Amino acid sequence: MGLTHFDENGKAVMVDVTDKKETVREAVAEGKILVNRDVFQAVKAGTVGKGDVLAVAATAGIAGAKRTSDLIPMCHILPLTNCKVDFRMNEKECAIFCTCTVKVTGKTGVEMEALTGVSAALLTIYDMCKALDKKMEITDIRLLKKTGGKSGDIWNDFDRRAGLVGENLSAENRSAGNAEAEDVENVWRKKEKRARRWKAAVVTMSDKGFAGEREDKSGPLICEMIADQGYDVVRTELLPDEQKEIEKCLCTLCDDEKVDIVFTTGGTGFSLRDCTPEATMAVAHRNVPGIAEAMRAASAEVTPRAMLSRAVSAIRNHTLIVNLPGSPKAVRENLEAVLPTVEHGLEILTGQAGECGR
């Protein structure tokens, strides 16, 4: 995968996100500043001459996150929906740890905003305390996690002993009243839960593809998009638009191979030969209309023809079956819209999580 901020001529460009879907996105970044004992105690006691260091640093972190696009040339301007800056005092290291959590509903992620927020907060601590310590060190600024978007949820492999993870934040160590110490610990709870990789099958329905008259591009695209999202593709199939053959294949994948999820592509339109939804519902035990509805809603933002999709989603035993369109562009749009949420459905279906809660 090439660098996205350069065009084919090597010229720096802003990434075009016009056709991307708006999803809820979140990023958490952390960093720390090492100070001497006098500074540490003064910050903790709130006796630094310039005022409440952590309160000012929290405000600076939020302001920095909001102004990221002014500082980083190729960043998009984003209407952030939430930004929290939290601190923890580590007396043993004489370190002040900072995390910045940023959320947005948008077309691109907020990793840079979270990293900028941490940087601004730590720089503010440096500025307010430099008269007391000329050797302060800002270090270990990094992304802890990001969620949302086509890449799904990503957690950084960091040392649990370094930072906020596993610690409770007391009121005196928080810069903002709405800080939640559980956020960072949940990074690892979710990461550990993701240790299991889902068994997936990808089935393409296409008369021309089956006859060798057309290259299957959608099936490989699905495999590529889900490979780094916790899915192992254990089976791929290319079938003609024959309902009985599709039903037989789906039953084998669900009952014999016991895959966790089947992604189908093709056969969801108005053509008389399109029968993937009928084959899916013929073998289904339960309907899952919300997934198909969400995909149609996402595609409708790009083209009104999305309403012509007859795709369905359903459950057979402990396997989720998701119909995707036949075109690669539509496949990408649909997967980006639902893939981050589908995993939670699989956790419930396989008994790894409780019912959905908000």
Protein backbone atom coordinates (compact mmCIF):
# COMPACT_ATOMS: atom_id res chain seq x y z
CA MET A 1 0.00 0.00 0.00
CA GLY A 2 1.47 3.35 -1.07
CA LEU A 3 1.56 6.64 0.79
CA THR A 4 -1.83 8.29 0.43
CA HIS A 5 -0.62 11.89 0.67
CA PHE A 6 1.25 11.78 -2.66
CA ASP A 7 -0.21 11.60 -6.15
CA GLU A 8 1.18 9.60 -9.07
CA ASN A 9 3.69 12.38 -9.76
CA GLY A 10 5.00 12.47 -6.20
CA LYS A 11 3.25 15.73 -5.39
CA ALA A 12 1.92 16.15 -1.85
CA VAL A 13 -1.88 16.24 -1.81
CA MET A 14 -4.75 16.14 0.66
CA VAL A 15 -6.49 12.77 0.51
CA ASP A 16 -9.87 12.99 -1.23
CA VAL A 17 -12.51 11.60 1.16
CA THR A 18 -15.52 12.80 -0.83
CA ASP A 19 -16.88 9.30 -1.49
CA LYS A 20 -16.13 7.88 1.95
CA LYS A 21 -18.90 7.14 4.41
CA GLU A 22 -19.48 9.08 7.58
CA THR A 23 -18.97 6.82 10.57
CA VAL A 24 -18.44 7.34 14.28
CA ARG A 25 -14.69 7.49 14.79
CA GLU A 26 -12.60 7.65 17.94
CA ALA A 27 -8.90 7.88 18.71
CA VAL A 28 -6.96 7.76 21.96
CA ALA A 29 -3.36 8.96 22.24
CA GLU A 30 -1.02 9.17 25.19
CA GLY A 31 2.28 10.69 26.21
CA LYS A 32 4.18 11.69 29.31
CA ILE A 33 6.46 14.37 30.65
CA LEU A 34 9.27 13.57 33.09
CA VAL A 35 9.88 16.30 35.66
CA ASN A 36 11.99 16.78 38.79
CA ARG A 37 10.62 16.12 42.27
CA ASP A 38 9.92 19.79 43.01
CA VAL A 39 7.83 20.24 39.88
CA PHE A 40 5.99 17.00 40.48
CA GLN A 41 4.96 17.99 44.00
CA ALA A 42 4.07 21.55 42.95
CA VAL A 43 1.83 20.36 40.12
CA LYS A 44 0.21 17.78 42.39
CA ALA A 45 -0.41 20.35 45.12
CA GLY A 46 -1.48 23.06 42.67
CA THR A 47 1.15 25.51 43.92
CA VAL A 48 2.90 26.35 40.65
CA GLY A 49 3.12 30.13 40.37
CA LYS A 50 1.42 30.29 36.98
CA GLY A 51 -1.73 28.57 38.23
CA ASP A 52 -3.48 25.19 38.00
CA VAL A 53 -1.14 23.44 35.57
CA LEU A 54 -3.31 20.45 34.74
CA ALA A 55 -6.47 22.48 34.24
CA VAL A 56 -4.68 24.84 31.85
CA ALA A 57 -2.96 21.92 30.08
CA ALA A 58 -6.30 20.16 29.61
CA THR A 59 -7.75 23.28 28.02
CA ALA A 60 -4.69 23.58 25.78
CA GLY A 61 -5.01 19.93 24.76
CA ILE A 62 -8.62 20.39 23.72
CA ALA A 63 -7.77 23.59 21.84
CA GLY A 64 -4.85 21.85 20.13
CA ALA A 65 -7.02 18.95 19.01
CA LYS A 66 -9.57 21.39 17.56
CA ARG A 67 -6.89 23.30 15.63
CA THR A 68 -5.00 20.30 14.24
CA SER A 69 -5.79 21.15 10.62
CA ASP A 70 -4.15 24.56 11.12
CA LEU A 71 -0.92 22.90 12.25
CA ILE A 72 -0.70 19.76 10.10
CA PRO A 73 -1.04 20.84 6.45
CA MET A 74 -2.76 17.78 4.97
CA CYS A 75 -5.22 17.18 7.81
CA HIS A 76 -8.89 17.74 7.08
CA ILE A 77 -10.96 20.20 9.07
CA LEU A 78 -13.17 18.07 11.32
CA PRO A 79 -16.14 19.05 13.52
CA LEU A 80 -15.11 17.16 16.65
CA THR A 81 -18.03 15.89 18.72
CA ASN A 82 -16.04 15.21 21.88
CA CYS A 83 -12.55 15.71 23.27
CA LYS A 84 -11.27 14.69 26.70
CA VAL A 85 -7.83 15.23 28.19
CA ASP A 86 -6.93 13.17 31.26
CA PHE A 87 -3.85 13.11 33.47
CA ARG A 88 -2.28 10.68 35.90
CA MET A 89 0.55 11.43 38.31
CA ASN A 90 3.17 8.68 38.64
CA GLU A 91 5.22 9.52 41.72
CA LYS A 92 7.71 6.70 41.27
CA GLU A 93 8.79 7.98 37.85
CA CYS A 94 8.14 11.66 38.59
CA ALA A 95 6.05 11.50 35.44
CA ILE A 96 2.79 13.10 34.40
CA PHE A 97 0.92 10.92 31.93
CA CYS A 98 -1.60 12.43 29.55
CA THR A 99 -4.25 10.81 27.37
CA CYS A 100 -6.41 12.57 24.80
CA THR A 101 -9.62 10.94 23.56
CA VAL A 102 -11.23 12.47 20.48
CA LYS A 103 -14.49 11.54 18.75
CA VAL A 104 -16.13 12.61 15.51
CA THR A 105 -18.81 11.48 13.10
CA GLY A 106 -17.03 11.99 9.83
CA LYS A 107 -15.28 10.66 6.75
CA THR A 108 -11.77 10.46 8.14
CA GLY A 109 -10.17 9.51 11.43
CA VAL A 110 -9.08 11.64 14.37
CA GLU A 111 -5.71 10.06 15.19
CA MET A 112 -3.85 13.29 14.41
CA GLU A 113 -6.25 15.28 16.58
CA ALA A 114 -5.65 12.97 19.55
CA LEU A 115 -1.87 13.09 19.06
CA THR A 116 -1.93 16.88 18.70
CA GLY A 117 -4.07 17.19 21.82
CA VAL A 118 -1.56 15.20 23.88
CA SER A 119 1.34 17.22 22.46
CA ALA A 120 -0.30 20.55 23.22
CA ALA A 121 -1.18 19.50 26.76
CA LEU A 122 2.32 18.28 27.55
CA LEU A 123 3.93 21.36 25.98
CA THR A 124 1.72 23.51 28.18
CA ILE A 125 2.95 21.68 31.27
CA TYR A 126 6.49 22.30 30.06
CA ASP A 127 5.80 26.00 29.52
CA MET A 128 4.19 26.51 32.92
CA CYS A 129 6.92 24.63 34.81
CA LYS A 130 10.10 25.51 32.93
CA ALA A 131 11.15 28.03 35.56
CA LEU A 132 11.34 25.16 38.07
CA ASP A 133 12.96 22.53 35.86
CA LYS A 134 15.20 23.09 32.85
CA LYS A 135 15.55 19.37 32.09
CA MET A 136 11.96 18.21 31.65
CA GLU A 137 11.51 15.56 28.97
CA ILE A 138 8.41 14.93 26.85
CA THR A 139 8.40 11.34 25.62
CA ASP A 140 6.43 8.30 24.48
CA ILE A 141 3.73 10.15 22.53
CA ARG A 142 1.80 7.49 20.63
CA LEU A 143 -1.59 6.34 19.45
CA LEU A 144 -3.27 3.82 21.73
CA LYS A 145 -6.32 3.00 19.67
CA LYS A 146 -8.56 4.07 16.83
CA THR A 147 -12.04 2.91 15.96
CA GLY A 148 -14.31 3.42 12.98
CA GLY A 149 -13.67 3.75 9.28
CA LYS A 150 -12.77 1.09 6.74
CA SER A 151 -9.78 -0.12 8.77
CA GLY A 152 -12.03 -0.88 11.72
CA ASP A 153 -10.70 -1.00 15.27
CA ILE A 154 -6.94 -0.88 15.81
CA TRP A 155 -5.09 -1.14 19.11
CA ASN A 156 -1.43 -0.34 19.59
CA ASP A 157 0.79 -2.99 21.20
CA PHE A 158 2.10 -0.97 24.09
CA ASP A 159 3.42 -1.98 27.50
CA ARG A 160 0.56 -2.09 30.00
CA ARG A 161 2.88 -0.87 32.72
CA ALA A 162 3.64 2.38 30.88
CA GLY A 163 0.78 4.81 31.07
CA LEU A 164 -2.78 4.77 32.35
CA VAL A 165 -3.69 1.18 31.66
CA GLY A 166 -4.81 -0.75 34.68
CA GLU A 167 -4.79 2.32 36.94
CA ASN A 168 -7.65 4.23 38.50
CA LEU A 169 -7.60 8.00 38.18
CA SER A 170 -8.40 9.85 41.39
CA ALA A 171 -10.25 13.13 41.24
CA GLU A 172 -7.12 15.11 42.05
CA ASN A 173 -5.28 13.54 39.10
CA ARG A 174 -7.96 14.42 36.55
CA SER A 175 -7.98 17.61 34.64
CA ALA A 176 -11.56 17.31 33.40
CA GLY A 177 -14.59 16.40 35.46
CA ASN A 178 -15.98 13.99 32.85
CA ALA A 179 -12.79 11.89 32.49
CA GLU A 180 -13.30 8.12 32.53
CA ALA A 181 -10.33 6.03 33.60
CA GLU A 182 -12.08 2.94 32.27
CA ASP A 183 -11.59 4.09 28.68
CA VAL A 184 -7.94 3.10 28.53
CA GLU A 185 -8.37 -0.16 30.41
CA ASN A 186 -11.12 -1.06 27.94
CA VAL A 187 -8.52 -0.79 25.17
CA TRP A 188 -6.90 -3.91 26.55
CA ARG A 189 -10.11 -5.69 27.44
CA LYS A 190 -11.24 -5.33 23.84
CA LYS A 191 -7.81 -6.20 22.48
CA GLU A 192 -7.68 -9.40 24.51
CA LYS A 193 -11.20 -10.29 23.40
CA ARG A 194 -10.11 -9.86 19.77
CA ALA A 195 -7.46 -12.56 20.20
CA ARG A 196 -9.92 -14.91 18.52
CA ARG A 197 -10.04 -14.51 14.75
CA TRP A 198 -13.33 -15.11 13.01
CA LYS A 199 -13.66 -17.87 10.42
CA ALA A 200 -15.05 -16.33 7.26
CA ALA A 201 -16.13 -17.58 3.86
CA VAL A 202 -16.55 -15.45 0.74
CA VAL A 203 -18.92 -16.61 -1.99
CA THR A 204 -19.26 -14.83 -5.34
CA MET A 205 -22.38 -15.32 -7.45
CA SER A 206 -21.88 -14.60 -11.15
CA ASP A 207 -22.87 -16.55 -14.24
CA LYS A 208 -20.18 -14.84 -16.31
CA GLY A 209 -17.57 -15.23 -13.62
CA PHE A 210 -18.35 -18.92 -13.24
CA ALA A 211 -18.07 -19.36 -17.02
CA GLY A 212 -14.69 -17.61 -17.07
CA GLU A 213 -16.03 -14.67 -19.04
CA ARG A 214 -15.51 -12.08 -16.31
CA GLU A 215 -12.86 -11.65 -13.62
CA ASP A 216 -14.14 -11.79 -10.07
CA LYS A 217 -12.94 -8.58 -8.44
CA SER A 218 -15.44 -8.30 -5.60
CA GLY A 219 -14.60 -11.57 -3.87
CA PRO A 220 -10.87 -10.79 -3.59
CA LEU A 221 -11.71 -7.26 -2.42
CA ILE A 222 -13.80 -8.64 0.44
CA CYS A 223 -10.95 -10.97 1.41
CA GLU A 224 -8.53 -8.05 1.40
CA MET A 225 -10.76 -5.75 3.45
CA ILE A 226 -11.54 -8.27 6.19
CA ALA A 227 -8.09 -9.89 6.44
CA ASP A 228 -6.67 -7.30 8.83
CA GLN A 229 -9.92 -6.91 10.78
CA GLY A 230 -9.76 -10.18 12.69
CA TYR A 231 -11.09 -12.50 9.99
CA ASP A 232 -9.45 -15.61 8.54
CA VAL A 233 -10.88 -16.45 5.12
CA VAL A 234 -11.05 -20.24 5.20
CA ARG A 235 -13.10 -20.73 2.04
CA THR A 236 -13.85 -18.89 -1.19
CA GLU A 237 -16.34 -19.99 -3.84
CA LEU A 238 -17.41 -18.78 -7.28
CA LEU A 239 -20.90 -19.99 -8.20
CA PRO A 240 -23.41 -19.44 -11.00
CA ASP A 241 -26.70 -17.73 -10.23
CA GLU A 242 -28.45 -21.01 -9.42
CA GLN A 243 -30.53 -20.89 -6.25
CA LYS A 244 -30.20 -24.57 -5.31
CA GLU A 245 -26.42 -24.50 -5.72
CA ILE A 246 -26.19 -21.38 -3.59
CA GLU A 247 -28.40 -22.91 -0.90
CA LYS A 248 -26.29 -26.06 -0.82
CA CYS A 249 -23.08 -24.07 -0.51
CA LEU A 250 -24.46 -21.92 2.31
CA CYS A 251 -25.67 -24.97 4.23
CA THR A 252 -22.25 -26.62 3.90
CA LEU A 253 -20.45 -23.53 5.14
CA CYS A 254 -22.82 -23.03 8.08
CA ASP A 255 -23.49 -26.64 9.13
CA ASP A 256 -20.38 -28.61 8.17
CA GLU A 257 -17.55 -26.08 8.13
CA LYS A 258 -19.18 -23.99 10.86
CA VAL A 259 -17.73 -20.68 9.73
CA ASP A 260 -18.64 -17.65 11.80
CA ILE A 261 -19.66 -15.48 8.86
CA VAL A 262 -20.37 -15.83 5.15
CA PHE A 263 -20.02 -12.80 2.89
CA THR A 264 -21.75 -13.23 -0.45
CA THR A 265 -21.30 -10.86 -3.38
CA GLY A 266 -23.50 -10.57 -6.45
CA GLY A 267 -26.97 -11.71 -7.38
CA THR A 268 -28.82 -9.06 -5.35
CA GLY A 269 -30.28 -6.97 -8.17
CA PHE A 270 -33.38 -7.06 -10.37
CA SER A 271 -32.14 -9.46 -13.03
CA LEU A 272 -34.27 -12.57 -13.43
CA ARG A 273 -31.16 -14.64 -12.67
CA ASP A 274 -30.38 -12.76 -9.42
CA CYS A 275 -31.38 -15.08 -6.60
CA THR A 276 -28.88 -14.65 -3.76
CA PRO A 277 -31.43 -13.10 -1.34
CA GLU A 278 -33.91 -15.90 -2.05
CA ALA A 279 -31.24 -18.57 -1.49
CA THR A 280 -30.13 -16.88 1.72
CA MET A 281 -33.61 -16.65 3.20
CA ALA A 282 -34.41 -20.21 2.13
CA VAL A 283 -31.69 -21.56 4.44
CA ALA A 284 -31.94 -18.89 7.15
CA HIS A 285 -33.30 -19.47 10.61
CA ARG A 286 -33.50 -15.78 11.58
CA ASN A 287 -33.54 -12.54 9.65
CA VAL A 288 -31.13 -9.68 10.50
CA PRO A 289 -32.65 -6.77 8.58
CA GLY A 290 -30.63 -4.03 10.26
CA ILE A 291 -27.36 -4.93 8.52
CA ALA A 292 -28.86 -4.81 5.03
CA GLU A 293 -30.75 -1.62 5.89
CA ALA A 294 -27.55 0.05 7.12
CA MET A 295 -25.73 -0.89 3.92
CA ARG A 296 -28.51 0.48 1.74
CA ALA A 297 -28.59 3.69 3.77
CA ALA A 298 -24.84 4.12 3.38
CA SER A 299 -24.94 3.53 -0.37
CA ALA A 300 -27.93 5.85 -0.74
CA GLU A 301 -25.67 8.73 0.28
CA VAL A 302 -23.67 8.06 -2.89
CA THR A 303 -26.36 6.99 -5.35
CA PRO A 304 -30.17 6.76 -5.25
CA ARG A 305 -29.85 3.42 -7.04
CA ALA A 306 -28.99 1.90 -3.68
CA MET A 307 -32.71 1.42 -3.12
CA LEU A 308 -32.67 -1.19 -5.89
CA SER A 309 -30.52 -3.58 -3.86
CA ARG A 310 -32.40 -6.62 -2.59
CA ALA A 311 -29.55 -7.78 -0.35
CA VAL A 312 -30.45 -9.44 2.96
CA SER A 313 -28.62 -10.57 6.07
CA ALA A 314 -29.60 -13.58 8.12
CA ILE A 315 -28.50 -16.18 10.65
CA ARG A 316 -28.31 -19.93 10.20
CA ASN A 317 -27.41 -21.74 13.42
CA HIS A 318 -24.37 -19.80 14.69
CA THR A 319 -23.34 -18.35 11.33
CA LEU A 320 -24.10 -14.86 10.05
CA ILE A 321 -24.73 -14.52 6.31
CA VAL A 322 -24.32 -11.06 4.76
CA ASN A 323 -25.26 -10.32 1.14
CA LEU A 324 -23.11 -7.70 -0.57
CA PRO A 325 -23.60 -6.14 -4.02
CA GLY A 326 -21.68 -7.34 -7.05
CA SER A 327 -19.69 -4.21 -7.91
CA PRO A 328 -16.36 -3.68 -6.13
CA LYS A 329 -17.18 -0.02 -5.44
CA ALA A 330 -20.47 -0.94 -3.78
CA VAL A 331 -18.80 -3.76 -1.86
CA ARG A 332 -16.31 -1.31 -0.38
CA GLU A 333 -19.03 1.20 0.53
CA ASN A 334 -21.17 -1.46 2.19
CA LEU A 335 -18.38 -3.12 4.14
CA GLU A 336 -17.05 0.19 5.41
CA ALA A 337 -20.53 0.98 6.72
CA VAL A 338 -21.15 -2.21 8.69
CA LEU A 339 -17.89 -4.06 9.32
CA PRO A 340 -17.03 -2.30 12.61
CA THR A 341 -20.43 -3.25 14.09
CA VAL A 342 -20.75 -6.74 12.64
CA GLU A 343 -18.03 -7.99 14.97
CA HIS A 344 -20.15 -7.25 18.03
CA GLY A 345 -22.99 -9.20 16.44
CA LEU A 346 -20.64 -12.16 16.01
CA GLU A 347 -19.60 -11.89 19.65
CA ILE A 348 -23.23 -12.14 20.72
CA LEU A 349 -24.00 -14.92 18.24
CA THR A 350 -21.08 -17.02 19.47
CA GLY A 351 -21.67 -16.31 23.15
CA GLN A 352 -18.65 -14.07 23.69
CA ALA A 353 -20.66 -10.98 24.63
CA GLY A 354 -24.02 -10.02 26.06
CA GLU A 355 -26.84 -8.21 24.33
CA CYS A 356 -26.24 -4.81 22.77
CA GLY A 357 -26.27 -1.87 25.17
CA ARG A 358 -25.85 1.85 24.67
